[in-house]
Amino acid sequence: MNFGMKKVSLIFALTAIFGSLQVIVTMDNSDAQTAQEILNEVNGLYDEANDLINYTLQEEQKHISSLSCQQLLSELTDYKKAGDYWASQVNIPHYASRAEGYYASAERRRTAYLKNCL
């Protein structure tokens, strides 16, 4: 697994964890403080995940900018194939988001290729 694939896997894991995190808080007089504490903790986790995702995308962009045109095409093809594979796994719902992430990575490389190589 190359550098970019590891980063994409991290993004998928974070997306799966925090995208599926649902907190239902029922506030009444007896547990209002506890509910607010839970909400503050969840918001903190969301902020941390968002920062990590942004950092990971910045690192991926640095990696993309260091690639030659041939390397961009090669990685674009690899990510497209990986996206096609995960998209074909229709019986498992979260695989669609994994496919979407690979397609997004391929699109970032396509954009860089069009900008720098044509």
PDB file of N, CA and C in Angstrom:
ATOM      1  N   MET A   1       0.864  -1.169   0.000  1.00  0.00           N
ATOM      2  CA  MET A   1       0.000   0.000   0.000  1.00  0.00           C
ATOM      3  C   MET A   1       0.906   1.226   0.000  1.00  0.00           C
ATOM      4  N   ASN A   2       0.707   2.104  -0.969  1.00  0.00           N
ATOM      5  CA  ASN A   2       1.572   3.266  -1.050  1.00  0.00           C
ATOM      6  C   ASN A   2       1.124   4.352  -0.080  1.00  0.00           C
ATOM      7  N   PHE A   3       1.896   5.428  -0.033  1.00  0.00           N
ATOM      8  CA  PHE A   3       1.650   6.539   0.890  1.00  0.00           C
ATOM      9  C   PHE A   3       0.225   7.057   0.796  1.00  0.00           C
ATOM     10  N   GLY A   4      -0.234   7.303  -0.410  1.00  0.00           N
ATOM     11  CA  GLY A   4      -1.571   7.857  -0.604  1.00  0.00           C
ATOM     12  C   GLY A   4      -2.669   6.914  -0.149  1.00  0.00           C
ATOM     13  N   MET A   5      -2.506   5.627  -0.420  1.00  0.00           N
ATOM     14  CA  MET A   5      -3.529   4.651  -0.029  1.00  0.00           C
ATOM     15  C   MET A   5      -3.655   4.581   1.491  1.00  0.00           C
ATOM     16  N   LYS A   6      -2.517   4.681   2.210  1.00  0.00           N
ATOM     17  CA  LYS A   6      -2.572   4.662   3.671  1.00  0.00           C
ATOM     18  C   LYS A   6      -3.343   5.872   4.181  1.00  0.00           C
ATOM     19  N   LYS A   7      -3.095   7.027   3.585  1.00  0.00           N
ATOM     20  CA  LYS A   7      -3.794   8.241   4.000  1.00  0.00           C
ATOM     21  C   LYS A   7      -5.284   8.118   3.717  1.00  0.00           C
ATOM     22  N   VAL A   8      -5.622   7.578   2.559  1.00  0.00           N
ATOM     23  CA  VAL A   8      -7.035   7.414   2.213  1.00  0.00           C
ATOM     24  C   VAL A   8      -7.697   6.446   3.187  1.00  0.00           C
ATOM     25  N   SER A   9      -6.988   5.370   3.557  1.00  0.00           N
ATOM     26  CA  SER A   9      -7.550   4.422   4.519  1.00  0.00           C
ATOM     27  C   SER A   9      -7.826   5.097   5.853  1.00  0.00           C
ATOM     28  N   LEU A  10      -6.927   5.986   6.283  1.00  0.00           N
ATOM     29  CA  LEU A  10      -7.139   6.728   7.520  1.00  0.00           C
ATOM     30  C   LEU A  10      -8.367   7.616   7.405  1.00  0.00           C
ATOM     31  N   ILE A  11      -8.508   8.281   6.286  1.00  0.00           N
ATOM     32  CA  ILE A  11      -9.669   9.145   6.081  1.00  0.00           C
ATOM     33  C   ILE A  11     -10.950   8.316   6.121  1.00  0.00           C
ATOM     34  N   PHE A  12     -10.929   7.145   5.486  1.00  0.00           N
ATOM     35  CA  PHE A  12     -12.115   6.283   5.501  1.00  0.00           C
ATOM     36  C   PHE A  12     -12.462   5.855   6.914  1.00  0.00           C
ATOM     37  N   ALA A  13     -11.440   5.482   7.679  1.00  0.00           N
ATOM     38  CA  ALA A  13     -11.695   5.036   9.052  1.00  0.00           C
ATOM     39  C   ALA A  13     -12.314   6.157   9.875  1.00  0.00           C
ATOM     40  N   LEU A  14     -11.740   7.359   9.751  1.00  0.00           N
ATOM     41  CA  LEU A  14     -12.290   8.488  10.505  1.00  0.00           C
ATOM     42  C   LEU A  14     -13.697   8.836  10.044  1.00  0.00           C
ATOM     43  N   THR A  15     -13.904   8.790   8.743  1.00  0.00           N
ATOM     44  CA  THR A  15     -15.238   9.090   8.225  1.00  0.00           C
ATOM     45  C   THR A  15     -16.255   8.075   8.734  1.00  0.00           C
ATOM     46  N   ALA A  16     -15.856   6.803   8.731  1.00  0.00           N
ATOM     47  CA  ALA A  16     -16.775   5.767   9.210  1.00  0.00           C
ATOM     48  C   ALA A  16     -17.091   5.945  10.690  1.00  0.00           C
ATOM     49  N   ILE A  17     -16.051   6.272  11.475  1.00  0.00           N
ATOM     50  CA  ILE A  17     -16.261   6.422  12.919  1.00  0.00           C
ATOM     51  C   ILE A  17     -17.130   7.630  13.227  1.00  0.00           C
ATOM     52  N   PHE A  18     -16.736   8.782  12.709  1.00  0.00           N
ATOM     53  CA  PHE A  18     -17.430  10.008  13.085  1.00  0.00           C
ATOM     54  C   PHE A  18     -18.651  10.286  12.221  1.00  0.00           C
ATOM     55  N   GLY A  19     -18.677   9.723  11.020  1.00  0.00           N
ATOM     56  CA  GLY A  19     -19.867   9.877  10.193  1.00  0.00           C
ATOM     57  C   GLY A  19     -21.039   9.077  10.730  1.00  0.00           C
ATOM     58  N   SER A  20     -20.731   7.938  11.341  1.00  0.00           N
ATOM     59  CA  SER A  20     -21.811   7.103  11.864  1.00  0.00           C
ATOM     60  C   SER A  20     -22.108   7.374  13.337  1.00  0.00           C
ATOM     61  N   LEU A  21     -21.307   8.239  13.960  1.00  0.00           N
ATOM     62  CA  LEU A  21     -21.532   8.574  15.369  1.00  0.00           C
ATOM     63  C   LEU A  21     -22.787   9.408  15.500  1.00  0.00           C
ATOM     64  N   GLN A  22     -23.748   8.869  16.198  1.00  0.00           N
ATOM     65  CA  GLN A  22     -24.994   9.597  16.419  1.00  0.00           C
ATOM     66  C   GLN A  22     -25.241   9.640  17.910  1.00  0.00           C
ATOM     67  N   VAL A  23     -25.400  10.839  18.402  1.00  0.00           N
ATOM     68  CA  VAL A  23     -25.658  11.000  19.821  1.00  0.00           C
ATOM     69  C   VAL A  23     -27.027  11.617  19.980  1.00  0.00           C
ATOM     70  N   ILE A  24     -27.860  10.930  20.721  1.00  0.00           N
ATOM     71  CA  ILE A  24     -29.189  11.455  21.008  1.00  0.00           C
ATOM     72  C   ILE A  24     -29.187  11.868  22.467  1.00  0.00           C
ATOM     73  N   VAL A  25     -29.385  13.133  22.671  1.00  0.00           N
ATOM     74  CA  VAL A  25     -29.338  13.666  24.023  1.00  0.00           C
ATOM     75  C   VAL A  25     -30.721  14.166  24.389  1.00  0.00           C
ATOM     76  N   THR A  26     -31.270  13.584  25.417  1.00  0.00           N
ATOM     77  CA  THR A  26     -32.554  14.042  25.924  1.00  0.00           C
ATOM     78  C   THR A  26     -32.276  14.882  27.153  1.00  0.00           C
ATOM     79  N   MET A  27     -32.645  16.125  27.045  1.00  0.00           N
ATOM     80  CA  MET A  27     -32.343  17.023  28.150  1.00  0.00           C
ATOM     81  C   MET A  27     -33.598  17.295  28.963  1.00  0.00           C
ATOM     82  N   ASP A  28     -33.484  17.027  30.238  1.00  0.00           N
ATOM     83  CA  ASP A  28     -34.516  17.474  31.149  1.00  0.00           C
ATOM     84  C   ASP A  28     -33.802  18.052  32.369  1.00  0.00           C
ATOM     85  N   ASN A  29     -34.512  18.497  33.329  1.00  0.00           N
ATOM     86  CA  ASN A  29     -33.895  19.180  34.459  1.00  0.00           C
ATOM     87  C   ASN A  29     -32.918  18.307  35.224  1.00  0.00           C
ATOM     88  N   SER A  30     -33.158  17.008  35.283  1.00  0.00           N
ATOM     89  CA  SER A  30     -32.315  16.144  36.107  1.00  0.00           C
ATOM     90  C   SER A  30     -30.970  15.825  35.474  1.00  0.00           C
ATOM     91  N   ASP A  31     -30.884  15.814  34.148  1.00  0.00           N
ATOM     92  CA  ASP A  31     -29.614  15.444  33.522  1.00  0.00           C
ATOM     93  C   ASP A  31     -29.112  16.479  32.524  1.00  0.00           C
ATOM     94  N   ALA A  32     -29.519  17.701  32.649  1.00  0.00           N
ATOM     95  CA  ALA A  32     -29.098  18.745  31.712  1.00  0.00           C
ATOM     96  C   ALA A  32     -27.593  18.944  31.743  1.00  0.00           C
ATOM     97  N   GLN A  33     -26.984  18.924  32.915  1.00  0.00           N
ATOM     98  CA  GLN A  33     -25.534  19.111  33.009  1.00  0.00           C
ATOM     99  C   GLN A  33     -24.796  17.957  32.334  1.00  0.00           C
ATOM    100  N   THR A  34     -25.234  16.736  32.588  1.00  0.00           N
ATOM    101  CA  THR A  34     -24.600  15.574  31.985  1.00  0.00           C
ATOM    102  C   THR A  34     -24.745  15.603  30.463  1.00  0.00           C
ATOM    103  N   ALA A  35     -25.897  15.966  29.984  1.00  0.00           N
ATOM    104  CA  ALA A  35     -26.119  16.042  28.542  1.00  0.00           C
ATOM    105  C   ALA A  35     -25.216  17.093  27.920  1.00  0.00           C
ATOM    106  N   GLN A  36     -25.056  18.226  28.574  1.00  0.00           N
ATOM    107  CA  GLN A  36     -24.184  19.278  28.045  1.00  0.00           C
ATOM    108  C   GLN A  36     -22.735  18.805  28.026  1.00  0.00           C
ATOM    109  N   GLU A  37     -22.313  18.085  29.050  1.00  0.00           N
ATOM    110  CA  GLU A  37     -20.954  17.547  29.084  1.00  0.00           C
ATOM    111  C   GLU A  37     -20.737  16.567  27.934  1.00  0.00           C
ATOM    112  N   ILE A  38     -21.711  15.712  27.694  1.00  0.00           N
ATOM    113  CA  ILE A  38     -21.609  14.758  26.585  1.00  0.00           C
ATOM    114  C   ILE A  38     -21.534  15.500  25.259  1.00  0.00           C
ATOM    115  N   LEU A  39     -22.379  16.483  25.090  1.00  0.00           N
ATOM    116  CA  LEU A  39     -22.380  17.263  23.857  1.00  0.00           C
ATOM    117  C   LEU A  39     -21.045  17.972  23.654  1.00  0.00           C
ATOM    118  N   ASN A  40     -20.476  18.535  24.704  1.00  0.00           N
ATOM    119  CA  ASN A  40     -19.170  19.199  24.607  1.00  0.00           C
ATOM    120  C   ASN A  40     -18.081  18.207  24.221  1.00  0.00           C
ATOM    121  N   GLU A  41     -18.134  17.011  24.791  1.00  0.00           N
ATOM    122  CA  GLU A  41     -17.142  15.993  24.465  1.00  0.00           C
ATOM    123  C   GLU A  41     -17.263  15.548  23.007  1.00  0.00           C
ATOM    124  N   VAL A  42     -18.481  15.341  22.550  1.00  0.00           N
ATOM    125  CA  VAL A  42     -18.696  14.945  21.155  1.00  0.00           C
ATOM    126  C   VAL A  42     -18.218  16.046  20.212  1.00  0.00           C
ATOM    127  N   ASN A  43     -18.519  17.289  20.532  1.00  0.00           N
ATOM    128  CA  ASN A  43     -18.059  18.403  19.697  1.00  0.00           C
ATOM    129  C   ASN A  43     -16.538  18.463  19.658  1.00  0.00           C
ATOM    130  N   GLY A  44     -15.889  18.190  20.790  1.00  0.00           N
ATOM    131  CA  GLY A  44     -14.433  18.161  20.824  1.00  0.00           C
ATOM    132  C   GLY A  44     -13.873  17.060  19.944  1.00  0.00           C
ATOM    133  N   LEU A  45     -14.495  15.884  19.998  1.00  0.00           N
ATOM    134  CA  LEU A  45     -14.061  14.776  19.143  1.00  0.00           C
ATOM    135  C   LEU A  45     -14.252  15.112  17.669  1.00  0.00           C
ATOM    136  N   TYR A  46     -15.366  15.755  17.367  1.00  0.00           N
ATOM    137  CA  TYR A  46     -15.624  16.157  15.985  1.00  0.00           C
ATOM    138  C   TYR A  46     -14.543  17.123  15.509  1.00  0.00           C
ATOM    139  N   ASP A  47     -14.192  18.093  16.338  1.00  0.00           N
ATOM    140  CA  ASP A  47     -13.160  19.064  15.968  1.00  0.00           C
ATOM    141  C   ASP A  47     -11.812  18.383  15.755  1.00  0.00           C
ATOM    142  N   GLU A  48     -11.458  17.447  16.639  1.00  0.00           N
ATOM    143  CA  GLU A  48     -10.202  16.715  16.487  1.00  0.00           C
ATOM    144  C   GLU A  48     -10.193  15.904  15.195  1.00  0.00           C
ATOM    145  N   ALA A  49     -11.287  15.227  14.905  1.00  0.00           N
ATOM    146  CA  ALA A  49     -11.371  14.436  13.676  1.00  0.00           C
ATOM    147  C   ALA A  49     -11.269  15.335  12.453  1.00  0.00           C
ATOM    148  N   ASN A  50     -11.935  16.470  12.498  1.00  0.00           N
ATOM    149  CA  ASN A  50     -11.892  17.414  11.387  1.00  0.00           C
ATOM    150  C   ASN A  50     -10.468  17.926  11.167  1.00  0.00           C
ATOM    151  N   ASP A  51      -9.764  18.252  12.250  1.00  0.00           N
ATOM    152  CA  ASP A  51      -8.374  18.703  12.137  1.00  0.00           C
ATOM    153  C   ASP A  51      -7.492  17.615  11.538  1.00  0.00           C
ATOM    154  N   LEU A  52      -7.687  16.377  11.970  1.00  0.00           N
ATOM    155  CA  LEU A  52      -6.885  15.272  11.454  1.00  0.00           C
ATOM    156  C   LEU A  52      -7.164  15.025   9.974  1.00  0.00           C
ATOM    157  N   ILE A  53      -8.409  15.099   9.585  1.00  0.00           N
ATOM    158  CA  ILE A  53      -8.759  14.925   8.175  1.00  0.00           C
ATOM    159  C   ILE A  53      -8.142  16.036   7.335  1.00  0.00           C
ATOM    160  N   ASN A  54      -8.229  17.276   7.795  1.00  0.00           N
ATOM    161  CA  ASN A  54      -7.623  18.390   7.055  1.00  0.00           C
ATOM    162  C   ASN A  54      -6.116  18.230   6.947  1.00  0.00           C
ATOM    163  N   TYR A  55      -5.464  17.810   8.028  1.00  0.00           N
ATOM    164  CA  TYR A  55      -4.024  17.577   8.004  1.00  0.00           C
ATOM    165  C   TYR A  55      -3.677  16.478   6.999  1.00  0.00           C
ATOM    166  N   THR A  56      -4.446  15.399   7.019  1.00  0.00           N
ATOM    167  CA  THR A  56      -4.205  14.285   6.107  1.00  0.00           C
ATOM    168  C   THR A  56      -4.362  14.720   4.654  1.00  0.00           C
ATOM    169  N   LEU A  57      -5.371  15.527   4.377  1.00  0.00           N
ATOM    170  CA  LEU A  57      -5.561  16.031   3.010  1.00  0.00           C
ATOM    171  C   LEU A  57      -4.416  16.944   2.592  1.00  0.00           C
ATOM    172  N   GLN A  58      -3.904  17.761   3.510  1.00  0.00           N
ATOM    173  CA  GLN A  58      -2.760  18.618   3.200  1.00  0.00           C
ATOM    174  C   GLN A  58      -1.526  17.777   2.887  1.00  0.00           C
ATOM    175  N   GLU A  59      -1.308  16.725   3.674  1.00  0.00           N
ATOM    176  CA  GLU A  59      -0.179  15.834   3.416  1.00  0.00           C
ATOM    177  C   GLU A  59      -0.335  15.137   2.064  1.00  0.00           C
ATOM    178  N   GLU A  60      -1.554  14.730   1.745  1.00  0.00           N
ATOM    179  CA  GLU A  60      -1.792  14.095   0.452  1.00  0.00           C
ATOM    180  C   GLU A  60      -1.518  15.085  -0.678  1.00  0.00           C
ATOM    181  N   GLN A  61      -1.911  16.334  -0.497  1.00  0.00           N
ATOM    182  CA  GLN A  61      -1.674  17.343  -1.530  1.00  0.00           C
ATOM    183  C   GLN A  61      -0.176  17.572  -1.729  1.00  0.00           C
ATOM    184  N   LYS A  62       0.596  17.558  -0.640  1.00  0.00           N
ATOM    185  CA  LYS A  62       2.056  17.672  -0.764  1.00  0.00           C
ATOM    186  C   LYS A  62       2.597  16.499  -1.575  1.00  0.00           C
ATOM    187  N   HIS A  63       2.087  15.304  -1.265  1.00  0.00           N
ATOM    188  CA  HIS A  63       2.517  14.108  -1.991  1.00  0.00           C
ATOM    189  C   HIS A  63       2.170  14.229  -3.474  1.00  0.00           C
ATOM    190  N   ILE A  64       0.961  14.654  -3.771  1.00  0.00           N
ATOM    191  CA  ILE A  64       0.517  14.795  -5.161  1.00  0.00           C
ATOM    192  C   ILE A  64       1.399  15.790  -5.906  1.00  0.00           C
ATOM    193  N   SER A  65       1.732  16.893  -5.254  1.00  0.00           N
ATOM    194  CA  SER A  65       2.528  17.922  -5.933  1.00  0.00           C
ATOM    195  C   SER A  65       3.957  17.455  -6.209  1.00  0.00           C
ATOM    196  N   SER A  66       4.407  16.402  -5.526  1.00  0.00           N
ATOM    197  CA  SER A  66       5.759  15.899  -5.757  1.00  0.00           C
ATOM    198  C   SER A  66       5.814  14.834  -6.855  1.00  0.00           C
ATOM    199  N   LEU A  67       4.667  14.443  -7.392  1.00  0.00           N
ATOM    200  CA  LEU A  67       4.623  13.370  -8.381  1.00  0.00           C
ATOM    201  C   LEU A  67       4.890  13.885  -9.792  1.00  0.00           C
ATOM    202  N   SER A  68       5.508  13.031 -10.593  1.00  0.00           N
ATOM    203  CA  SER A  68       5.665  13.333 -12.012  1.00  0.00           C
ATOM    204  C   SER A  68       4.333  13.074 -12.711  1.00  0.00           C
ATOM    205  N   CYS A  69       4.247  13.496 -13.950  1.00  0.00           N
ATOM    206  CA  CYS A  69       3.013  13.276 -14.714  1.00  0.00           C
ATOM    207  C   CYS A  69       2.698  11.786 -14.833  1.00  0.00           C
ATOM    208  N   GLN A  70       3.719  10.970 -15.095  1.00  0.00           N
ATOM    209  CA  GLN A  70       3.511   9.525 -15.213  1.00  0.00           C
ATOM    210  C   GLN A  70       3.045   8.927 -13.887  1.00  0.00           C
ATOM    211  N   GLN A  71       3.626   9.389 -12.784  1.00  0.00           N
ATOM    212  CA  GLN A  71       3.211   8.896 -11.470  1.00  0.00           C
ATOM    213  C   GLN A  71       1.774   9.313 -11.157  1.00  0.00           C
ATOM    214  N   LEU A  72       1.409  10.529 -11.553  1.00  0.00           N
ATOM    215  CA  LEU A  72       0.025  10.977 -11.351  1.00  0.00           C
ATOM    216  C   LEU A  72      -0.947  10.060 -12.083  1.00  0.00           C
ATOM    217  N   LEU A  73      -0.631   9.748 -13.346  1.00  0.00           N
ATOM    218  CA  LEU A  73      -1.500   8.857 -14.118  1.00  0.00           C
ATOM    219  C   LEU A  73      -1.576   7.465 -13.499  1.00  0.00           C
ATOM    220  N   SER A  74      -0.445   6.979 -13.028  1.00  0.00           N
ATOM    221  CA  SER A  74      -0.411   5.650 -12.419  1.00  0.00           C
ATOM    222  C   SER A  74      -1.263   5.602 -11.149  1.00  0.00           C
ATOM    223  N   GLU A  75      -1.088   6.589 -10.268  1.00  0.00           N
ATOM    224  CA  GLU A  75      -1.882   6.616  -9.036  1.00  0.00           C
ATOM    225  C   GLU A  75      -3.357   6.861  -9.339  1.00  0.00           C
ATOM    226  N   LEU A  76      -3.636   7.705 -10.322  1.00  0.00           N
ATOM    227  CA  LEU A  76      -5.026   7.954 -10.707  1.00  0.00           C
ATOM    228  C   LEU A  76      -5.695   6.636 -11.101  1.00  0.00           C
ATOM    229  N   THR A  77      -5.002   5.853 -11.913  1.00  0.00           N
ATOM    230  CA  THR A  77      -5.534   4.558 -12.355  1.00  0.00           C
ATOM    231  C   THR A  77      -5.726   3.607 -11.175  1.00  0.00           C
ATOM    232  N   ASP A  78      -4.735   3.571 -10.273  1.00  0.00           N
ATOM    233  CA  ASP A  78      -4.835   2.690  -9.102  1.00  0.00           C
ATOM    234  C   ASP A  78      -6.032   3.054  -8.225  1.00  0.00           C
ATOM    235  N   TYR A  79      -6.212   4.340  -7.966  1.00  0.00           N
ATOM    236  CA  TYR A  79      -7.328   4.773  -7.121  1.00  0.00           C
ATOM    237  C   TYR A  79      -8.669   4.532  -7.808  1.00  0.00           C
ATOM    238  N   LYS A  80      -8.712   4.729  -9.118  1.00  0.00           N
ATOM    239  CA  LYS A  80      -9.953   4.472  -9.858  1.00  0.00           C
ATOM    240  C   LYS A  80     -10.314   2.988  -9.774  1.00  0.00           C
ATOM    241  N   LYS A  81      -9.320   2.113  -9.955  1.00  0.00           N
ATOM    242  CA  LYS A  81      -9.571   0.668  -9.859  1.00  0.00           C
ATOM    243  C   LYS A  81     -10.026   0.285  -8.450  1.00  0.00           C
ATOM    244  N   ALA A  82      -9.385   0.859  -7.442  1.00  0.00           N
ATOM    245  CA  ALA A  82      -9.779   0.561  -6.059  1.00  0.00           C
ATOM    246  C   ALA A  82     -11.210   1.041  -5.803  1.00  0.00           C
ATOM    247  N   GLY A  83     -11.549   2.211  -6.324  1.00  0.00           N
ATOM    248  CA  GLY A  83     -12.914   2.716  -6.180  1.00  0.00           C
ATOM    249  C   GLY A  83     -13.921   1.814  -6.862  1.00  0.00           C
ATOM    250  N   ASP A  84     -13.577   1.345  -8.059  1.00  0.00           N
ATOM    251  CA  ASP A  84     -14.472   0.432  -8.778  1.00  0.00           C
ATOM    252  C   ASP A  84     -14.678  -0.861  -7.993  1.00  0.00           C
ATOM    253  N   TYR A  85     -13.597  -1.368  -7.392  1.00  0.00           N
ATOM    254  CA  TYR A  85     -13.713  -2.598  -6.611  1.00  0.00           C
ATOM    255  C   TYR A  85     -14.668  -2.404  -5.434  1.00  0.00           C
ATOM    256  N   TRP A  86     -14.442  -1.360  -4.647  1.00  0.00           N
ATOM    257  CA  TRP A  86     -15.277  -1.156  -3.461  1.00  0.00           C
ATOM    258  C   TRP A  86     -16.706  -0.800  -3.843  1.00  0.00           C
ATOM    259  N   ALA A  87     -16.890  -0.122  -4.954  1.00  0.00           N
ATOM    260  CA  ALA A  87     -18.250   0.205  -5.399  1.00  0.00           C
ATOM    261  C   ALA A  87     -19.014  -1.054  -5.794  1.00  0.00           C
ATOM    262  N   SER A  88     -18.295  -2.076  -6.238  1.00  0.00           N
ATOM    263  CA  SER A  88     -18.961  -3.319  -6.651  1.00  0.00           C
ATOM    264  C   SER A  88     -19.403  -4.168  -5.458  1.00  0.00           C
ATOM    265  N   GLN A  89     -18.947  -3.835  -4.269  1.00  0.00           N
ATOM    266  CA  GLN A  89     -19.305  -4.585  -3.058  1.00  0.00           C
ATOM    267  C   GLN A  89     -20.600  -4.023  -2.478  1.00  0.00           C
ATOM    268  N   VAL A  90     -21.677  -4.192  -3.211  1.00  0.00           N
ATOM    269  CA  VAL A  90     -22.933  -3.502  -2.902  1.00  0.00           C
ATOM    270  C   VAL A  90     -23.655  -4.022  -1.663  1.00  0.00           C
ATOM    271  N   ASN A  91     -23.306  -5.178  -1.172  1.00  0.00           N
ATOM    272  CA  ASN A  91     -24.025  -5.733  -0.028  1.00  0.00           C
ATOM    273  C   ASN A  91     -23.585  -5.151   1.309  1.00  0.00           C
ATOM    274  N   ILE A  92     -22.525  -4.374   1.312  1.00  0.00           N
ATOM    275  CA  ILE A  92     -22.020  -3.807   2.564  1.00  0.00           C
ATOM    276  C   ILE A  92     -22.075  -2.286   2.448  1.00  0.00           C
ATOM    277  N   PRO A  93     -22.983  -1.644   3.170  1.00  0.00           N
ATOM    278  CA  PRO A  93     -23.259  -0.215   2.977  1.00  0.00           C
ATOM    279  C   PRO A  93     -22.044   0.707   3.092  1.00  0.00           C
ATOM    280  N   HIS A  94     -21.170   0.506   4.091  1.00  0.00           N
ATOM    281  CA  HIS A  94     -20.080   1.468   4.253  1.00  0.00           C
ATOM    282  C   HIS A  94     -19.019   1.354   3.161  1.00  0.00           C
ATOM    283  N   TYR A  95     -19.077   0.312   2.354  1.00  0.00           N
ATOM    284  CA  TYR A  95     -18.131   0.196   1.253  1.00  0.00           C
ATOM    285  C   TYR A  95     -18.364   1.274   0.199  1.00  0.00           C
ATOM    286  N   ALA A  96     -19.574   1.770   0.089  1.00  0.00           N
ATOM    287  CA  ALA A  96     -19.845   2.848  -0.864  1.00  0.00           C
ATOM    288  C   ALA A  96     -19.052   4.093  -0.491  1.00  0.00           C
ATOM    289  N   SER A  97     -18.932   4.384   0.797  1.00  0.00           N
ATOM    290  CA  SER A  97     -18.150   5.553   1.203  1.00  0.00           C
ATOM    291  C   SER A  97     -16.666   5.315   0.964  1.00  0.00           C
ATOM    292  N   ARG A  98     -16.231   4.070   1.100  1.00  0.00           N
ATOM    293  CA  ARG A  98     -14.837   3.748   0.795  1.00  0.00           C
ATOM    294  C   ARG A  98     -14.572   3.975  -0.692  1.00  0.00           C
ATOM    295  N   ALA A  99     -15.485   3.528  -1.540  1.00  0.00           N
ATOM    296  CA  ALA A  99     -15.347   3.746  -2.981  1.00  0.00           C
ATOM    297  C   ALA A  99     -15.320   5.236  -3.284  1.00  0.00           C
ATOM    298  N   GLU A 100     -16.194   5.982  -2.646  1.00  0.00           N
ATOM    299  CA  GLU A 100     -16.255   7.427  -2.869  1.00  0.00           C
ATOM    300  C   GLU A 100     -14.927   8.096  -2.509  1.00  0.00           C
ATOM    301  N   GLY A 101     -14.303   7.642  -1.438  1.00  0.00           N
ATOM    302  CA  GLY A 101     -13.007   8.195  -1.042  1.00  0.00           C
ATOM    303  C   GLY A 101     -11.923   7.917  -2.071  1.00  0.00           C
ATOM    304  N   TYR A 102     -11.914   6.699  -2.608  1.00  0.00           N
ATOM    305  CA  TYR A 102     -10.936   6.380  -3.648  1.00  0.00           C
ATOM    306  C   TYR A 102     -11.193   7.213  -4.905  1.00  0.00           C
ATOM    307  N   TYR A 103     -12.460   7.382  -5.252  1.00  0.00           N
ATOM    308  CA  TYR A 103     -12.772   8.215  -6.409  1.00  0.00           C
ATOM    309  C   TYR A 103     -12.340   9.663  -6.170  1.00  0.00           C
ATOM    310  N   ALA A 104     -12.502  10.157  -4.952  1.00  0.00           N
ATOM    311  CA  ALA A 104     -12.080  11.524  -4.631  1.00  0.00           C
ATOM    312  C   ALA A 104     -10.563  11.653  -4.750  1.00  0.00           C
ATOM    313  N   SER A 105      -9.832  10.635  -4.310  1.00  0.00           N
ATOM    314  CA  SER A 105      -8.377  10.653  -4.444  1.00  0.00           C
ATOM    315  C   SER A 105      -7.966  10.628  -5.909  1.00  0.00           C
ATOM    316  N   ALA A 106      -8.653   9.827  -6.695  1.00  0.00           N
ATOM    317  CA  ALA A 106      -8.372   9.785  -8.131  1.00  0.00           C
ATOM    318  C   ALA A 106      -8.657  11.145  -8.758  1.00  0.00           C
ATOM    319  N   GLU A 107      -9.739  11.781  -8.349  1.00  0.00           N
ATOM    320  CA  GLU A 107     -10.106  13.088  -8.902  1.00  0.00           C
ATOM    321  C   GLU A 107      -9.061  14.151  -8.555  1.00  0.00           C
ATOM    322  N   ARG A 108      -8.504  14.108  -7.341  1.00  0.00           N
ATOM    323  CA  ARG A 108      -7.457  15.070  -6.975  1.00  0.00           C
ATOM    324  C   ARG A 108      -6.228  14.887  -7.857  1.00  0.00           C
ATOM    325  N   ARG A 109      -5.915  13.644  -8.191  1.00  0.00           N
ATOM    326  CA  ARG A 109      -4.771  13.391  -9.074  1.00  0.00           C
ATOM    327  C   ARG A 109      -5.084  13.792 -10.515  1.00  0.00           C
ATOM    328  N   ARG A 110      -6.311  13.572 -10.950  1.00  0.00           N
ATOM    329  CA  ARG A 110      -6.709  13.993 -12.295  1.00  0.00           C
ATOM    330  C   ARG A 110      -6.626  15.508 -12.415  1.00  0.00           C
ATOM    331  N   THR A 111      -7.091  16.212 -11.410  1.00  0.00           N
ATOM    332  CA  THR A 111      -7.037  17.673 -11.414  1.00  0.00           C
ATOM    333  C   THR A 111      -5.589  18.152 -11.488  1.00  0.00           C
ATOM    334  N   ALA A 112      -4.707  17.535 -10.699  1.00  0.00           N
ATOM    335  CA  ALA A 112      -3.292  17.908 -10.718  1.00  0.00           C
ATOM    336  C   ALA A 112      -2.677  17.606 -12.081  1.00  0.00           C
ATOM    337  N   TYR A 113      -3.048  16.473 -12.667  1.00  0.00           N
ATOM    338  CA  TYR A 113      -2.525  16.111 -13.984  1.00  0.00           C
ATOM    339  C   TYR A 113      -2.956  17.132 -15.034  1.00  0.00           C
ATOM    340  N   LEU A 114      -4.231  17.468 -15.037  1.00  0.00           N
ATOM    341  CA  LEU A 114      -4.733  18.440 -16.017  1.00  0.00           C
ATOM    342  C   LEU A 114      -4.077  19.805 -15.831  1.00  0.00           C
ATOM    343  N   LYS A 115      -3.838  20.173 -14.599  1.00  0.00           N
ATOM    344  CA  LYS A 115      -3.244  21.479 -14.308  1.00  0.00           C
ATOM    345  C   LYS A 115      -1.760  21.527 -14.671  1.00  0.00           C
ATOM    346  N   ASN A 116      -1.032  20.445 -14.377  1.00  0.00           N
ATOM    347  CA  ASN A 116       0.426  20.482 -14.493  1.00  0.00           C
ATOM    348  C   ASN A 116       1.003  19.779 -15.714  1.00  0.00           C
ATOM    349  N   CYS A 117       0.237  18.917 -16.339  1.00  0.00           N
ATOM    350  CA  CYS A 117       0.826  18.067 -17.376  1.00  0.00           C
ATOM    351  C   CYS A 117       0.257  18.300 -18.773  1.00  0.00           C
ATOM    352  N   LEU A 118      -0.806  19.036 -18.892  1.00  0.00           N
ATOM    353  CA  LEU A 118      -1.372  19.275 -20.227  1.00  0.00           C
ATOM    354  C   LEU A 118      -1.160  20.698 -20.668  1.00  0.00           C
TER     355      LEU A 118
END
